[in-house]
PDB file of all heavy atoms in Angstrom:
ATOM      1  N   HIS A   1     -13.596   5.163 -14.888  1.00  0.00           N
ATOM      2  CA  HIS A   1     -12.624   4.131 -14.501  1.00  0.00           C
ATOM      3  C   HIS A   1     -11.506   4.711 -13.654  1.00  0.00           C
ATOM      4  O   HIS A   1     -11.151   4.176 -12.598  1.00  0.00           O
ATOM      5  CB  HIS A   1     -12.058   3.478 -15.773  1.00  0.00           C
ATOM      6  CG  HIS A   1     -10.626   3.053 -15.652  1.00  0.00           C
ATOM      7  ND1 HIS A   1     -10.240   1.887 -15.026  1.00  0.00           N
ATOM      8  CD2 HIS A   1      -9.474   3.666 -16.076  1.00  0.00           C
ATOM      9  CE1 HIS A   1      -8.915   1.791 -15.066  1.00  0.00           C
ATOM     10  NE2 HIS A   1      -8.426   2.841 -15.689  1.00  0.00           N
ATOM     11  N   HIS A   2     -10.941   5.818 -14.098  1.00  0.00           N
ATOM     12  CA  HIS A   2      -9.755   6.355 -13.432  1.00  0.00           C
ATOM     13  C   HIS A   2     -10.075   6.939 -12.063  1.00  0.00           C
ATOM     14  O   HIS A   2      -9.280   6.807 -11.130  1.00  0.00           O
ATOM     15  CB  HIS A   2      -9.092   7.412 -14.316  1.00  0.00           C
ATOM     16  CG  HIS A   2      -7.694   7.729 -13.907  1.00  0.00           C
ATOM     17  ND1 HIS A   2      -7.374   8.830 -13.154  1.00  0.00           N
ATOM     18  CD2 HIS A   2      -6.528   7.059 -14.114  1.00  0.00           C
ATOM     19  CE1 HIS A   2      -6.073   8.845 -12.939  1.00  0.00           C
ATOM     20  NE2 HIS A   2      -5.531   7.786 -13.500  1.00  0.00           N
ATOM     21  N   ILE A   3     -11.224   7.582 -11.930  1.00  0.00           N
ATOM     22  CA  ILE A   3     -11.620   8.093 -10.616  1.00  0.00           C
ATOM     23  C   ILE A   3     -11.647   6.963  -9.599  1.00  0.00           C
ATOM     24  O   ILE A   3     -11.097   7.079  -8.490  1.00  0.00           O
ATOM     25  CB  ILE A   3     -12.998   8.783 -10.698  1.00  0.00           C
ATOM     26  CG1 ILE A   3     -12.896  10.112 -11.438  1.00  0.00           C
ATOM     27  CG2 ILE A   3     -13.572   9.020  -9.300  1.00  0.00           C
ATOM     28  CD1 ILE A   3     -14.241  10.782 -11.690  1.00  0.00           C
ATOM     29  N   VAL A   4     -12.261   5.857  -9.972  1.00  0.00           N
ATOM     30  CA  VAL A   4     -12.416   4.733  -9.041  1.00  0.00           C
ATOM     31  C   VAL A   4     -11.076   4.055  -8.775  1.00  0.00           C
ATOM     32  O   VAL A   4     -10.690   3.834  -7.614  1.00  0.00           O
ATOM     33  CB  VAL A   4     -13.434   3.716  -9.605  1.00  0.00           C
ATOM     34  CG1 VAL A   4     -13.462   2.458  -8.748  1.00  0.00           C
ATOM     35  CG2 VAL A   4     -14.820   4.344  -9.673  1.00  0.00           C
ATOM     36  N   VAL A   5     -10.327   3.730  -9.819  1.00  0.00           N
ATOM     37  CA  VAL A   5      -9.101   2.947  -9.660  1.00  0.00           C
ATOM     38  C   VAL A   5      -8.004   3.760  -8.986  1.00  0.00           C
ATOM     39  O   VAL A   5      -7.284   3.251  -8.110  1.00  0.00           O
ATOM     40  CB  VAL A   5      -8.637   2.407 -11.023  1.00  0.00           C
ATOM     41  CG1 VAL A   5      -7.269   1.738 -10.905  1.00  0.00           C
ATOM     42  CG2 VAL A   5      -9.654   1.418 -11.566  1.00  0.00           C
ATOM     43  N   GLN A   6      -7.866   5.026  -9.372  1.00  0.00           N
ATOM     44  CA  GLN A   6      -6.814   5.838  -8.765  1.00  0.00           C
ATOM     45  C   GLN A   6      -7.090   6.067  -7.277  1.00  0.00           C
ATOM     46  O   GLN A   6      -6.182   6.010  -6.450  1.00  0.00           O
ATOM     47  CB  GLN A   6      -6.708   7.191  -9.487  1.00  0.00           C
ATOM     48  CG  GLN A   6      -5.434   7.954  -9.180  1.00  0.00           C
ATOM     49  CD  GLN A   6      -4.223   7.436  -9.942  1.00  0.00           C
ATOM     50  OE1 GLN A   6      -4.313   7.156 -11.135  1.00  0.00           O
ATOM     51  NE2 GLN A   6      -3.095   7.296  -9.276  1.00  0.00           N
ATOM     52  N   THR A   7      -8.344   6.304  -6.928  1.00  0.00           N
ATOM     53  CA  THR A   7      -8.697   6.446  -5.520  1.00  0.00           C
ATOM     54  C   THR A   7      -8.384   5.162  -4.762  1.00  0.00           C
ATOM     55  O   THR A   7      -7.831   5.197  -3.649  1.00  0.00           O
ATOM     56  CB  THR A   7     -10.193   6.781  -5.374  1.00  0.00           C
ATOM     57  OG1 THR A   7     -10.488   7.981  -6.081  1.00  0.00           O
ATOM     58  CG2 THR A   7     -10.568   6.955  -3.906  1.00  0.00           C
ATOM     59  N   THR A   8      -8.723   4.021  -5.348  1.00  0.00           N
ATOM     60  CA  THR A   8      -8.469   2.731  -4.706  1.00  0.00           C
ATOM     61  C   THR A   8      -6.987   2.519  -4.452  1.00  0.00           C
ATOM     62  O   THR A   8      -6.582   2.064  -3.369  1.00  0.00           O
ATOM     63  CB  THR A   8      -9.020   1.589  -5.575  1.00  0.00           C
ATOM     64  OG1 THR A   8     -10.387   1.839  -5.895  1.00  0.00           O
ATOM     65  CG2 THR A   8      -8.908   0.265  -4.858  1.00  0.00           C
ATOM     66  N   LEU A   9      -6.156   2.861  -5.420  1.00  0.00           N
ATOM     67  CA  LEU A   9      -4.714   2.674  -5.253  1.00  0.00           C
ATOM     68  C   LEU A   9      -4.156   3.568  -4.148  1.00  0.00           C
ATOM     69  O   LEU A   9      -3.284   3.140  -3.379  1.00  0.00           O
ATOM     70  CB  LEU A   9      -3.996   2.951  -6.575  1.00  0.00           C
ATOM     71  CG  LEU A   9      -4.035   1.807  -7.587  1.00  0.00           C
ATOM     72  CD1 LEU A   9      -3.550   2.268  -8.950  1.00  0.00           C
ATOM     73  CD2 LEU A   9      -3.198   0.626  -7.101  1.00  0.00           C
ATOM     74  N   PHE A  10      -4.643   4.788  -4.046  1.00  0.00           N
ATOM     75  CA  PHE A  10      -4.164   5.666  -2.974  1.00  0.00           C
ATOM     76  C   PHE A  10      -4.648   5.185  -1.608  1.00  0.00           C
ATOM     77  O   PHE A  10      -3.938   5.313  -0.610  1.00  0.00           O
ATOM     78  CB  PHE A  10      -4.593   7.106  -3.230  1.00  0.00           C
ATOM     79  CG  PHE A  10      -3.607   7.895  -4.045  1.00  0.00           C
ATOM     80  CD1 PHE A  10      -3.800   8.099  -5.397  1.00  0.00           C
ATOM     81  CD2 PHE A  10      -2.476   8.420  -3.459  1.00  0.00           C
ATOM     82  CE1 PHE A  10      -2.890   8.817  -6.145  1.00  0.00           C
ATOM     83  CE2 PHE A  10      -1.549   9.134  -4.198  1.00  0.00           C
ATOM     84  CZ  PHE A  10      -1.755   9.338  -5.553  1.00  0.00           C
ATOM     85  N   LEU A  11      -5.855   4.644  -1.541  1.00  0.00           N
ATOM     86  CA  LEU A  11      -6.314   4.056  -0.284  1.00  0.00           C
ATOM     87  C   LEU A  11      -5.446   2.850   0.078  1.00  0.00           C
ATOM     88  O   LEU A  11      -5.072   2.670   1.252  1.00  0.00           O
ATOM     89  CB  LEU A  11      -7.780   3.636  -0.395  1.00  0.00           C
ATOM     90  CG  LEU A  11      -8.811   4.764  -0.508  1.00  0.00           C
ATOM     91  CD1 LEU A  11     -10.222   4.183  -0.630  1.00  0.00           C
ATOM     92  CD2 LEU A  11      -8.740   5.716   0.674  1.00  0.00           C
ATOM     93  N   ALA A  12      -5.121   2.021  -0.913  1.00  0.00           N
ATOM     94  CA  ALA A  12      -4.239   0.879  -0.664  1.00  0.00           C
ATOM     95  C   ALA A  12      -2.858   1.350  -0.211  1.00  0.00           C
ATOM     96  O   ALA A  12      -2.233   0.725   0.662  1.00  0.00           O
ATOM     97  CB  ALA A  12      -4.128   0.014  -1.923  1.00  0.00           C
ATOM     98  N   ALA A  13      -2.375   2.442  -0.789  1.00  0.00           N
ATOM     99  CA  ALA A  13      -1.090   3.000  -0.347  1.00  0.00           C
ATOM    100  C   ALA A  13      -1.165   3.443   1.111  1.00  0.00           C
ATOM    101  O   ALA A  13      -0.188   3.312   1.865  1.00  0.00           O
ATOM    102  CB  ALA A  13      -0.688   4.170  -1.242  1.00  0.00           C
ATOM    103  N   GLY A  14      -2.332   3.964   1.520  1.00  0.00           N
ATOM    104  CA  GLY A  14      -2.518   4.316   2.926  1.00  0.00           C
ATOM    105  C   GLY A  14      -2.435   3.103   3.837  1.00  0.00           C
ATOM    106  O   GLY A  14      -1.876   3.170   4.938  1.00  0.00           O
ATOM    107  N   LEU A  15      -2.973   1.967   3.365  1.00  0.00           N
ATOM    108  CA  LEU A  15      -2.868   0.732   4.146  1.00  0.00           C
ATOM    109  C   LEU A  15      -1.415   0.260   4.228  1.00  0.00           C
ATOM    110  O   LEU A  15      -0.963  -0.216   5.274  1.00  0.00           O
ATOM    111  CB  LEU A  15      -3.729  -0.358   3.515  1.00  0.00           C
ATOM    112  CG  LEU A  15      -5.245  -0.106   3.454  1.00  0.00           C
ATOM    113  CD1 LEU A  15      -5.955  -1.305   2.830  1.00  0.00           C
ATOM    114  CD2 LEU A  15      -5.814   0.185   4.834  1.00  0.00           C
ATOM    115  N   VAL A  16      -0.679   0.386   3.120  1.00  0.00           N
ATOM    116  CA  VAL A  16       0.737   0.019   3.121  1.00  0.00           C
ATOM    117  C   VAL A  16       1.502   0.855   4.141  1.00  0.00           C
ATOM    118  O   VAL A  16       2.344   0.340   4.897  1.00  0.00           O
ATOM    119  CB  VAL A  16       1.342   0.196   1.712  1.00  0.00           C
ATOM    120  CG1 VAL A  16       2.868   0.077   1.758  1.00  0.00           C
ATOM    121  CG2 VAL A  16       0.762  -0.816   0.739  1.00  0.00           C
ATOM    122  N   GLU A  17       1.197   2.146   4.177  1.00  0.00           N
ATOM    123  CA  GLU A  17       1.887   3.038   5.103  1.00  0.00           C
ATOM    124  C   GLU A  17       1.646   2.633   6.556  1.00  0.00           C
ATOM    125  O   GLU A  17       2.541   2.720   7.392  1.00  0.00           O
ATOM    126  CB  GLU A  17       1.438   4.476   4.863  1.00  0.00           C
ATOM    127  CG  GLU A  17       2.243   5.517   5.614  1.00  0.00           C
ATOM    128  CD  GLU A  17       1.925   6.921   5.178  1.00  0.00           C
ATOM    129  OE1 GLU A  17       0.825   7.144   4.612  1.00  0.00           O
ATOM    130  OE2 GLU A  17       2.763   7.823   5.398  1.00  0.00           O
ATOM    131  N   ARG A  18       0.431   2.204   6.853  1.00  0.00           N
ATOM    132  CA  ARG A  18       0.138   1.782   8.223  1.00  0.00           C
ATOM    133  C   ARG A  18       0.850   0.473   8.565  1.00  0.00           C
ATOM    134  O   ARG A  18       1.350   0.302   9.673  1.00  0.00           O
ATOM    135  CB  ARG A  18      -1.370   1.613   8.412  1.00  0.00           C
ATOM    136  CG  ARG A  18      -2.159   2.885   8.319  1.00  0.00           C
ATOM    137  CD  ARG A  18      -3.577   2.678   8.790  1.00  0.00           C
ATOM    138  NE  ARG A  18      -3.643   2.486  10.234  1.00  0.00           N
ATOM    139  CZ  ARG A  18      -3.728   3.462  11.116  1.00  0.00           C
ATOM    140  NH1 ARG A  18      -3.739   4.713  10.720  1.00  0.00           N
ATOM    141  NH2 ARG A  18      -3.803   3.186  12.400  1.00  0.00           N
ATOM    142  N   GLU A  19       0.888  -0.446   7.616  1.00  0.00           N
ATOM    143  CA  GLU A  19       1.499  -1.746   7.876  1.00  0.00           C
ATOM    144  C   GLU A  19       3.017  -1.673   7.963  1.00  0.00           C
ATOM    145  O   GLU A  19       3.635  -2.383   8.762  1.00  0.00           O
ATOM    146  CB  GLU A  19       1.101  -2.735   6.770  1.00  0.00           C
ATOM    147  CG  GLU A  19      -0.373  -3.094   6.733  1.00  0.00           C
ATOM    148  CD  GLU A  19      -0.781  -4.008   7.877  1.00  0.00           C
ATOM    149  OE1 GLU A  19       0.117  -4.615   8.504  1.00  0.00           O
ATOM    150  OE2 GLU A  19      -1.990  -4.108   8.138  1.00  0.00           O
ATOM    151  N   ALA A  20       3.619  -0.815   7.107  1.00  0.00           N
ATOM    152  CA  ALA A  20       5.082  -0.784   7.008  1.00  0.00           C
ATOM    153  C   ALA A  20       5.709   0.454   7.626  1.00  0.00           C
ATOM    154  O   ALA A  20       6.927   0.490   7.807  1.00  0.00           O
ATOM    155  CB  ALA A  20       5.497  -0.894   5.542  1.00  0.00           C
ATOM    156  N   GLY A  21       4.890   1.484   7.917  1.00  0.00           N
ATOM    157  CA  GLY A  21       5.437   2.708   8.472  1.00  0.00           C
ATOM    158  C   GLY A  21       6.041   3.637   7.454  1.00  0.00           C
ATOM    159  O   GLY A  21       6.649   4.649   7.811  1.00  0.00           O
ATOM    160  N   SER A  22       5.929   3.332   6.177  1.00  0.00           N
ATOM    161  CA  SER A  22       6.517   4.148   5.119  1.00  0.00           C
ATOM    162  C   SER A  22       5.846   3.804   3.803  1.00  0.00           C
ATOM    163  O   SER A  22       5.187   2.761   3.684  1.00  0.00           O
ATOM    164  CB  SER A  22       8.023   3.891   5.031  1.00  0.00           C
ATOM    165  OG  SER A  22       8.598   4.549   3.916  1.00  0.00           O
ATOM    166  N   THR A  23       6.040   4.673   2.800  1.00  0.00           N
ATOM    167  CA  THR A  23       5.611   4.350   1.441  1.00  0.00           C
ATOM    168  C   THR A  23       6.796   4.329   0.484  1.00  0.00           C
ATOM    169  O   THR A  23       6.609   4.326  -0.729  1.00  0.00           O
ATOM    170  CB  THR A  23       4.553   5.347   0.929  1.00  0.00           C
ATOM    171  OG1 THR A  23       5.046   6.686   1.086  1.00  0.00           O
ATOM    172  CG2 THR A  23       3.243   5.192   1.677  1.00  0.00           C
ATOM    173  N   SER A  24       7.996   4.323   1.020  1.00  0.00           N
ATOM    174  CA  SER A  24       9.198   4.259   0.193  1.00  0.00           C
ATOM    175  C   SER A  24       9.486   2.814  -0.183  1.00  0.00           C
ATOM    176  O   SER A  24       9.631   1.946   0.695  1.00  0.00           O
ATOM    177  CB  SER A  24      10.396   4.853   0.934  1.00  0.00           C
ATOM    178  OG  SER A  24      11.592   4.628   0.205  1.00  0.00           O
ATOM    179  N   ILE A  25       9.620   2.542  -1.465  1.00  0.00           N
ATOM    180  CA  ILE A  25       9.867   1.169  -1.904  1.00  0.00           C
ATOM    181  C   ILE A  25      11.286   0.718  -1.591  1.00  0.00           C
ATOM    182  O   ILE A  25      11.596  -0.476  -1.695  1.00  0.00           O
ATOM    183  CB  ILE A  25       9.573   1.009  -3.415  1.00  0.00           C
ATOM    184  CG1 ILE A  25      10.520   1.877  -4.249  1.00  0.00           C
ATOM    185  CG2 ILE A  25       8.123   1.308  -3.713  1.00  0.00           C
ATOM    186  CD1 ILE A  25      10.361   1.680  -5.741  1.00  0.00           C
ATOM    187  N   THR A  26      12.159   1.629  -1.200  1.00  0.00           N
ATOM    188  CA  THR A  26      13.523   1.257  -0.834  1.00  0.00           C
ATOM    189  C   THR A  26      13.624   0.794   0.616  1.00  0.00           C
ATOM    190  O   THR A  26      14.644   0.234   1.012  1.00  0.00           O
ATOM    191  CB  THR A  26      14.476   2.442  -1.043  1.00  0.00           C
ATOM    192  OG1 THR A  26      14.129   3.498  -0.131  1.00  0.00           O
ATOM    193  CG2 THR A  26      14.392   2.965  -2.465  1.00  0.00           C
ATOM    194  N   ARG A  27      12.602   1.024   1.404  1.00  0.00           N
ATOM    195  CA  ARG A  27      12.701   0.791   2.847  1.00  0.00           C
ATOM    196  C   ARG A  27      11.781  -0.292   3.374  1.00  0.00           C
ATOM    197  O   ARG A  27      11.836  -0.620   4.564  1.00  0.00           O
ATOM    198  CB  ARG A  27      12.401   2.095   3.603  1.00  0.00           C
ATOM    199  CG  ARG A  27      13.376   3.213   3.296  1.00  0.00           C
ATOM    200  CD  ARG A  27      12.901   4.523   3.882  1.00  0.00           C
ATOM    201  NE  ARG A  27      13.825   5.599   3.537  1.00  0.00           N
ATOM    202  CZ  ARG A  27      13.548   6.889   3.665  1.00  0.00           C
ATOM    203  NH1 ARG A  27      12.370   7.246   4.136  1.00  0.00           N
ATOM    204  NH2 ARG A  27      14.433   7.798   3.335  1.00  0.00           N
ATOM    205  N   ILE A  28      10.910  -0.827   2.547  1.00  0.00           N
ATOM    206  CA  ILE A  28       9.952  -1.818   3.044  1.00  0.00           C
ATOM    207  C   ILE A  28       9.920  -3.043   2.125  1.00  0.00           C
ATOM    208  O   ILE A  28      10.286  -2.970   0.956  1.00  0.00           O
ATOM    209  CB  ILE A  28       8.522  -1.231   3.165  1.00  0.00           C
ATOM    210  CG1 ILE A  28       8.068  -0.587   1.843  1.00  0.00           C
ATOM    211  CG2 ILE A  28       8.442  -0.235   4.283  1.00  0.00           C
ATOM    212  CD1 ILE A  28       6.691   0.016   1.898  1.00  0.00           C
ATOM    213  N   GLY A  29       9.477  -4.143   2.678  1.00  0.00           N
ATOM    214  CA  GLY A  29       9.362  -5.380   1.920  1.00  0.00           C
ATOM    215  C   GLY A  29       8.644  -6.423   2.753  1.00  0.00           C
ATOM    216  O   GLY A  29       8.377  -6.238   3.943  1.00  0.00           O
ATOM    217  N   GLY A  30       8.320  -7.532   2.122  1.00  0.00           N
ATOM    218  CA  GLY A  30       7.727  -8.644   2.831  1.00  0.00           C
ATOM    219  C   GLY A  30       6.269  -8.497   3.203  1.00  0.00           C
ATOM    220  O   GLY A  30       5.747  -9.278   4.010  1.00  0.00           O
ATOM    221  N   LEU A  31       5.565  -7.532   2.597  1.00  0.00           N
ATOM    222  CA  LEU A  31       4.163  -7.320   2.984  1.00  0.00           C
ATOM    223  C   LEU A  31       3.236  -8.410   2.463  1.00  0.00           C
ATOM    224  O   LEU A  31       2.125  -8.565   2.974  1.00  0.00           O
ATOM    225  CB  LEU A  31       3.674  -5.943   2.503  1.00  0.00           C
ATOM    226  CG  LEU A  31       4.181  -4.725   3.269  1.00  0.00           C
ATOM    227  CD1 LEU A  31       3.437  -3.482   2.815  1.00  0.00           C
ATOM    228  CD2 LEU A  31       4.037  -4.908   4.765  1.00  0.00           C
ATOM    229  N   LEU A  32       3.676  -9.157   1.458  1.00  0.00           N
ATOM    230  CA  LEU A  32       2.829 -10.256   0.984  1.00  0.00           C
ATOM    231  C   LEU A  32       2.635 -11.289   2.083  1.00  0.00           C
ATOM    232  O   LEU A  32       1.547 -11.856   2.232  1.00  0.00           O
ATOM    233  CB  LEU A  32       3.451 -10.906  -0.249  1.00  0.00           C
ATOM    234  CG  LEU A  32       2.666 -12.073  -0.867  1.00  0.00           C
ATOM    235  CD1 LEU A  32       1.274 -11.621  -1.302  1.00  0.00           C
ATOM    236  CD2 LEU A  32       3.427 -12.667  -2.044  1.00  0.00           C
ATOM    237  N   ALA A  33       3.670 -11.503   2.884  1.00  0.00           N
ATOM    238  CA  ALA A  33       3.581 -12.460   3.982  1.00  0.00           C
ATOM    239  C   ALA A  33       2.895 -11.870   5.203  1.00  0.00           C
ATOM    240  O   ALA A  33       2.089 -12.533   5.856  1.00  0.00           O
ATOM    241  CB  ALA A  33       4.976 -12.950   4.357  1.00  0.00           C
ATOM    242  N   SER A  34       3.213 -10.599   5.508  1.00  0.00           N
ATOM    243  CA  SER A  34       2.683 -10.003   6.746  1.00  0.00           C
ATOM    244  C   SER A  34       1.300  -9.394   6.573  1.00  0.00           C
ATOM    245  O   SER A  34       0.540  -9.291   7.538  1.00  0.00           O
ATOM    246  CB  SER A  34       3.649  -8.925   7.253  1.00  0.00           C
ATOM    247  OG  SER A  34       3.782  -7.878   6.297  1.00  0.00           O
ATOM    248  N   ALA A  35       0.952  -8.980   5.356  1.00  0.00           N
ATOM    249  CA  ALA A  35      -0.352  -8.352   5.118  1.00  0.00           C
ATOM    250  C   ALA A  35      -0.883  -8.791   3.757  1.00  0.00           C
ATOM    251  O   ALA A  35      -0.972  -7.992   2.817  1.00  0.00           O
ATOM    252  CB  ALA A  35      -0.232  -6.826   5.185  1.00  0.00           C
ATOM    253  N   PRO A  36      -1.250 -10.053   3.612  1.00  0.00           N
ATOM    254  CA  PRO A  36      -1.684 -10.566   2.294  1.00  0.00           C
ATOM    255  C   PRO A  36      -2.923  -9.874   1.740  1.00  0.00           C
ATOM    256  O   PRO A  36      -3.043  -9.699   0.528  1.00  0.00           O
ATOM    257  CB  PRO A  36      -1.946 -12.057   2.565  1.00  0.00           C
ATOM    258  CG  PRO A  36      -2.143 -12.158   4.043  1.00  0.00           C
ATOM    259  CD  PRO A  36      -1.281 -11.107   4.645  1.00  0.00           C
ATOM    260  N   LEU A  37      -3.850  -9.472   2.610  1.00  0.00           N
ATOM    261  CA  LEU A  37      -5.052  -8.792   2.122  1.00  0.00           C
ATOM    262  C   LEU A  37      -4.700  -7.446   1.501  1.00  0.00           C
ATOM    263  O   LEU A  37      -5.232  -7.077   0.447  1.00  0.00           O
ATOM    264  CB  LEU A  37      -6.057  -8.613   3.257  1.00  0.00           C
ATOM    265  CG  LEU A  37      -7.372  -7.915   2.890  1.00  0.00           C
ATOM    266  CD1 LEU A  37      -8.084  -8.652   1.750  1.00  0.00           C
ATOM    267  CD2 LEU A  37      -8.284  -7.798   4.107  1.00  0.00           C
TER     268      LEU A  37
END
């Protein structure tokens, strides 16, 4: 379970970084509207 889920979350974090330009939760927001997938 953890191998699959942890890898998935880090891949999703990579997508967040591309969409927002950062992975800092203090500097980004609004991705539900701009990147719902």
